Amino acid sequence: MSITLSASDVKNLRDITGAGMMDCKAALTEAEGDIQKAIEILRKKGMKLSEKRADREAKEGAVIAMVNDSKTKGVVVKLSSETDFVSKNEEFINVTKKIAGIALNSFPANLESLLAEKFEGNTTIGEKVTDLVAAIGEKIEVKSYERLEAPQVEYYIHMGNKAGVLIGLNKTGDNLSDAGKDVAMQVAAMKPIALDKSDVDSSLVEKEIEIGKEQARGEGKPEAMLEKIALGKLEKFYKENTLLNQQFVKDGSLSIAAYLKSIDKDLTVTAFKHVMLG
């Protein structure tokens, strides 16, 4: 059955979905003029497009971190794209912020649960992202979602929404906000892999010890000294890669642990979350 489509019908579908004019016309034709069916068709096409682009690199995007008013909860969300042209678009950033706001409000346990949350009306976050794929024609996905609870949570967003950090403090107080932000910036700059020595995966520790031994052996050190030398190198690894033991970038005479104790003798970080583009 052939149907006659008006330009206003096609424009209406484009306004609703953001999809291209030709895609809207084809979807309306297939749906025999039914707007709702046409929207479903476009979503399905978006899903196929997303699958087709699954092997594409989506290293650009926007990372948004935020905390609730009482600073007891925080979230970081990364919405990825293929190009910075898309990621710098105001609408793209606003969608990321809205997803982060929904995440903060509902505080879902994982990414899968976040995607099932309602974005607007009956549209879920997952469906909204599919709509963006159909409209923009790039691989777009909610790539990362992290949440953190602590007595006080501070956050930092690296310029251009390139990274987001959450820091959990074990104490509360307005006077601790600057310290929390300093440590969050430290995480963004120095990219620690763990909070403290005890948080480093044991397999990684074993690997570093073996590397240290091989390096020492290559330098001609006696076999009896290899273990001791490797453990010394491991301590250096901890200082460079665990947050509390890292040298504070704003004051090289202090570790992060020492810096926090200079603010309050009992102050420390309970956990951190770090999400980056790439």
Protein backbone atom coordinates (compact mmCIF):
# COMPACT_ATOMS: atom_id res chain seq x y z
CA MET A 1 0.00 0.00 0.00
CA SER A 2 1.46 3.35 -1.00
CA ILE A 3 0.95 6.35 1.23
CA THR A 4 1.45 10.04 0.71
CA LEU A 5 3.72 11.73 3.22
CA SER A 6 3.69 15.47 3.76
CA ALA A 7 6.85 17.43 4.45
CA SER A 8 5.40 18.41 7.83
CA ASP A 9 5.04 14.72 8.80
CA VAL A 10 8.68 14.09 8.06
CA LYS A 11 9.75 17.27 9.86
CA ASN A 12 7.64 16.35 12.89
CA LEU A 13 9.37 12.96 13.16
CA ARG A 14 12.76 14.62 12.75
CA ASP A 15 11.93 17.11 15.52
CA ILE A 16 10.90 14.27 17.84
CA THR A 17 13.83 11.94 17.14
CA GLY A 18 16.63 14.12 15.82
CA ALA A 19 17.22 11.56 13.05
CA GLY A 20 18.09 12.55 9.47
CA MET A 21 15.35 13.63 7.04
CA MET A 22 15.82 10.66 4.69
CA ASP A 23 15.83 8.23 7.62
CA CYS A 24 12.61 9.79 8.91
CA LYS A 25 10.96 9.58 5.50
CA ALA A 26 11.95 5.93 5.10
CA ALA A 27 10.74 5.07 8.62
CA LEU A 28 7.39 6.80 8.07
CA THR A 29 6.94 5.02 4.77
CA GLU A 30 7.67 1.65 6.38
CA ALA A 31 5.32 2.51 9.26
CA GLU A 32 2.60 3.61 6.82
CA GLY A 33 2.52 7.06 8.36
CA ASP A 34 2.25 5.94 12.00
CA ILE A 35 4.56 8.24 14.02
CA GLN A 36 4.96 5.88 17.00
CA LYS A 37 5.79 2.92 14.78
CA ALA A 38 8.24 5.10 12.86
CA ILE A 39 9.97 6.04 16.11
CA GLU A 40 10.29 2.35 16.97
CA ILE A 41 11.74 1.65 13.52
CA LEU A 42 14.31 4.43 13.96
CA ARG A 43 15.27 3.09 17.38
CA LYS A 44 15.75 -0.35 15.91
CA LYS A 45 17.88 1.12 13.17
CA GLY A 46 19.85 2.97 15.82
CA MET A 47 20.49 -0.26 17.65
CA LYS A 48 21.69 -1.91 14.46
CA LEU A 49 23.87 1.09 13.76
CA SER A 50 25.28 0.86 17.26
CA GLU A 51 26.06 -2.83 16.78
CA LYS A 52 27.59 -2.14 13.37
CA ARG A 53 29.84 0.43 14.98
CA ALA A 54 30.77 -1.75 17.95
CA ASP A 55 34.28 -2.14 16.60
CA ARG A 56 34.76 1.60 16.21
CA GLU A 57 36.84 3.48 18.75
CA ALA A 58 34.84 5.79 21.01
CA LYS A 59 37.64 7.56 22.84
CA GLU A 60 36.08 11.01 22.97
CA GLY A 61 33.09 12.07 25.06
CA ALA A 62 32.26 13.84 28.30
CA VAL A 63 32.86 12.88 31.91
CA ILE A 64 30.65 14.45 34.57
CA ALA A 65 31.10 14.07 38.34
CA MET A 66 28.68 15.42 40.94
CA VAL A 67 27.74 15.03 44.60
CA ASN A 68 24.48 15.48 46.49
CA ASP A 69 23.75 18.53 48.64
CA SER A 70 24.79 16.80 51.85
CA LYS A 71 28.03 15.57 50.20
CA THR A 72 27.44 12.00 51.36
CA LYS A 73 27.08 10.52 47.86
CA GLY A 74 28.75 11.12 44.53
CA VAL A 75 28.67 9.74 40.99
CA VAL A 76 30.83 9.88 37.87
CA VAL A 77 29.37 9.17 34.42
CA LYS A 78 31.19 8.94 31.08
CA LEU A 79 29.22 9.26 27.86
CA SER A 80 31.57 8.35 25.03
CA SER A 81 31.61 9.35 21.37
CA GLU A 82 33.93 8.87 18.40
CA THR A 83 34.80 12.53 17.79
CA ASP A 84 35.37 15.61 19.91
CA PHE A 85 33.10 17.50 17.51
CA VAL A 86 30.21 15.55 19.02
CA SER A 87 31.50 15.53 22.60
CA LYS A 88 31.91 19.31 22.70
CA ASN A 89 28.33 19.82 21.54
CA GLU A 90 26.28 21.52 24.25
CA GLU A 91 23.38 19.09 23.89
CA PHE A 92 25.73 16.09 24.29
CA ILE A 93 27.20 17.58 27.47
CA ASN A 94 23.73 18.38 28.81
CA VAL A 95 22.59 14.80 28.19
CA THR A 96 25.65 13.58 30.13
CA LYS A 97 24.83 15.95 32.99
CA LYS A 98 21.23 14.79 33.04
CA ILE A 99 22.28 11.13 33.14
CA ALA A 100 24.64 11.94 36.02
CA GLY A 101 21.83 13.76 37.84
CA ILE A 102 19.54 10.75 37.45
CA ALA A 103 22.32 8.49 38.69
CA LEU A 104 22.88 10.67 41.74
CA ASN A 105 19.16 10.74 42.53
CA SER A 106 18.47 7.01 42.08
CA PHE A 107 22.01 5.80 42.93
CA PRO A 108 21.73 2.52 40.98
CA ALA A 109 24.11 -0.28 41.91
CA ASN A 110 25.66 -0.70 38.46
CA LEU A 111 25.75 0.50 34.86
CA GLU A 112 23.11 -1.95 33.69
CA SER A 113 20.66 -0.62 36.29
CA LEU A 114 21.50 2.96 35.34
CA LEU A 115 20.66 2.31 31.67
CA ALA A 116 17.22 1.04 32.76
CA GLU A 117 16.43 4.28 34.63
CA LYS A 118 13.94 6.66 33.01
CA PHE A 119 15.51 9.57 31.15
CA GLU A 120 12.30 11.40 30.31
CA GLY A 121 8.73 10.16 29.97
CA ASN A 122 8.80 6.45 29.23
CA THR A 123 12.20 6.64 27.54
CA THR A 124 15.02 4.95 29.43
CA ILE A 125 18.61 6.18 29.49
CA GLY A 126 19.58 3.23 27.30
CA GLU A 127 16.92 4.16 24.75
CA LYS A 128 17.98 7.80 24.82
CA VAL A 129 21.54 6.78 23.96
CA THR A 130 20.22 4.63 21.10
CA ASP A 131 18.30 7.65 19.83
CA LEU A 132 21.54 9.67 19.89
CA VAL A 133 23.26 6.98 17.81
CA ALA A 134 20.48 7.16 15.24
CA ALA A 135 20.50 10.96 15.19
CA ILE A 136 24.26 11.55 15.15
CA GLY A 137 25.55 8.46 13.36
CA GLU A 138 28.44 7.82 15.75
CA LYS A 139 29.10 5.09 18.27
CA ILE A 140 27.78 6.60 21.52
CA GLU A 141 27.45 4.78 24.82
CA VAL A 142 27.42 5.28 28.57
CA LYS A 143 30.89 3.83 28.94
CA SER A 144 31.45 4.21 32.68
CA TYR A 145 29.44 4.74 35.83
CA GLU A 146 30.96 4.90 39.32
CA ARG A 147 29.39 5.82 42.64
CA LEU A 148 30.81 6.54 46.07
CA GLU A 149 29.40 6.97 49.57
CA ALA A 150 31.39 8.39 52.49
CA PRO A 151 30.97 10.76 55.45
CA GLN A 152 32.07 13.52 53.02
CA VAL A 153 32.47 13.22 49.25
CA GLU A 154 34.28 15.83 47.16
CA TYR A 155 34.64 15.88 43.38
CA TYR A 156 36.71 17.34 40.58
CA ILE A 157 36.06 17.57 36.82
CA HIS A 158 39.16 18.02 34.70
CA MET A 159 38.94 20.86 32.17
CA GLY A 160 36.93 20.08 29.07
CA ASN A 161 35.13 17.24 30.87
CA LYS A 162 38.12 14.97 30.15
CA ALA A 163 38.07 13.25 33.55
CA GLY A 164 36.04 13.09 36.74
CA VAL A 165 37.16 12.19 40.26
CA LEU A 166 35.33 11.39 43.50
CA ILE A 167 37.10 11.43 46.86
CA GLY A 168 35.60 9.93 50.02
CA LEU A 169 36.76 11.44 53.32
CA ASN A 170 36.34 9.73 56.69
CA LYS A 171 35.29 12.97 58.44
CA THR A 172 32.95 15.87 57.70
CA GLY A 173 33.34 19.61 57.82
CA ASP A 174 33.28 22.65 55.56
CA ASN A 175 36.96 23.16 56.38
CA LEU A 176 37.77 19.82 54.72
CA SER A 177 36.36 20.69 51.28
CA ASP A 178 39.56 22.27 49.97
CA ALA A 179 41.61 19.29 51.12
CA GLY A 180 39.19 16.93 49.39
CA LYS A 181 39.40 18.91 46.16
CA ASP A 182 43.20 19.01 46.36
CA VAL A 183 43.32 15.23 46.64
CA ALA A 184 40.79 14.84 43.82
CA MET A 185 43.03 16.97 41.60
CA GLN A 186 45.98 14.82 42.69
CA VAL A 187 44.16 11.73 41.43
CA ALA A 188 43.43 13.38 38.08
CA ALA A 189 47.07 14.44 37.69
CA MET A 190 48.94 11.42 39.06
CA LYS A 191 46.49 8.58 38.28
CA PRO A 192 47.07 6.29 41.27
CA ILE A 193 46.05 2.65 40.81
CA ALA A 194 45.06 2.07 44.44
CA LEU A 195 44.39 3.90 47.69
CA ASP A 196 47.16 2.34 49.80
CA LYS A 197 49.73 -0.47 49.71
CA SER A 198 47.26 -3.06 50.98
CA ASP A 199 44.85 -2.25 48.13
CA VAL A 200 47.26 -3.21 45.34
CA ASP A 201 46.38 -6.56 43.77
CA SER A 202 48.69 -9.30 45.04
CA SER A 203 49.40 -10.55 41.52
CA LEU A 204 50.65 -7.07 40.58
CA VAL A 205 52.86 -6.97 43.69
CA GLU A 206 54.38 -10.34 42.74
CA LYS A 207 54.94 -9.10 39.21
CA GLU A 208 56.72 -5.95 40.44
CA ILE A 209 58.96 -8.01 42.73
CA GLU A 210 59.93 -10.29 39.85
CA ILE A 211 60.64 -7.27 37.63
CA GLY A 212 62.74 -5.75 40.40
CA LYS A 213 64.74 -8.97 40.75
CA GLU A 214 65.35 -9.22 37.02
CA GLN A 215 66.47 -5.60 36.86
CA ALA A 216 68.89 -6.13 39.73
CA ARG A 217 70.15 -9.38 38.21
CA GLY A 218 70.71 -7.54 34.92
CA GLU A 219 72.76 -4.98 36.81
CA GLY A 220 74.99 -7.76 38.08
CA LYS A 221 73.82 -7.71 41.71
CA PRO A 222 74.48 -10.83 43.84
CA GLU A 223 71.65 -13.39 43.97
CA ALA A 224 71.49 -13.09 47.76
CA MET A 225 70.67 -9.36 47.41
CA LEU A 226 67.98 -9.62 44.75
CA GLU A 227 65.00 -9.98 47.12
CA LYS A 228 66.05 -7.00 49.25
CA ILE A 229 66.67 -4.83 46.18
CA ALA A 230 63.34 -5.84 44.65
CA LEU A 231 61.48 -4.95 47.86
CA GLY A 232 63.17 -1.55 47.81
CA LYS A 233 61.96 -1.02 44.26
CA LEU A 234 58.49 -2.13 45.37
CA GLU A 235 58.44 0.66 47.96
CA LYS A 236 59.19 3.14 45.17
CA PHE A 237 56.35 1.61 43.15
CA TYR A 238 53.96 2.16 46.09
CA LYS A 239 55.05 5.80 46.46
CA GLU A 240 54.43 6.45 42.79
CA ASN A 241 51.19 4.52 42.37
CA THR A 242 49.17 4.48 45.62
CA LEU A 243 47.32 7.65 46.49
CA LEU A 244 48.10 7.97 50.21
CA ASN A 245 51.80 7.36 49.60
CA GLN A 246 52.18 9.62 46.58
CA GLN A 247 54.13 12.85 46.83
CA PHE A 248 51.63 15.73 47.11
CA VAL A 249 51.88 17.70 43.86
CA LYS A 250 51.33 21.01 45.66
CA ASP A 251 54.01 20.33 48.29
CA GLY A 252 56.68 17.79 47.43
CA SER A 253 57.79 17.54 51.07
CA LEU A 254 54.54 15.79 52.00
CA SER A 255 52.84 12.56 51.04
CA ILE A 256 49.07 12.71 50.57
CA ALA A 257 48.63 10.92 53.91
CA ALA A 258 50.84 13.50 55.63
CA TYR A 259 49.06 16.39 53.91
CA LEU A 260 45.69 15.16 55.17
CA LYS A 261 47.06 14.76 58.71
CA SER A 262 48.31 18.36 58.54
CA ILE A 263 44.68 19.40 58.11
CA ASP A 264 43.30 17.04 60.77
CA LYS A 265 45.34 14.37 62.55
CA ASP A 266 42.63 11.75 61.93
CA LEU A 267 41.75 12.73 58.36
CA THR A 268 42.19 10.20 55.56
CA VAL A 269 40.64 9.04 52.29
CA THR A 270 38.26 6.08 52.47
CA ALA A 271 38.06 5.51 48.69
CA PHE A 272 38.34 7.26 45.34
CA LYS A 273 36.87 6.88 41.86
CA HIS A 274 38.60 8.10 38.70
CA VAL A 275 37.03 8.03 35.23
CA MET A 276 38.89 9.29 32.16
CA LEU A 277 38.30 9.58 28.45
CA GLY A 278 40.13 7.12 26.24
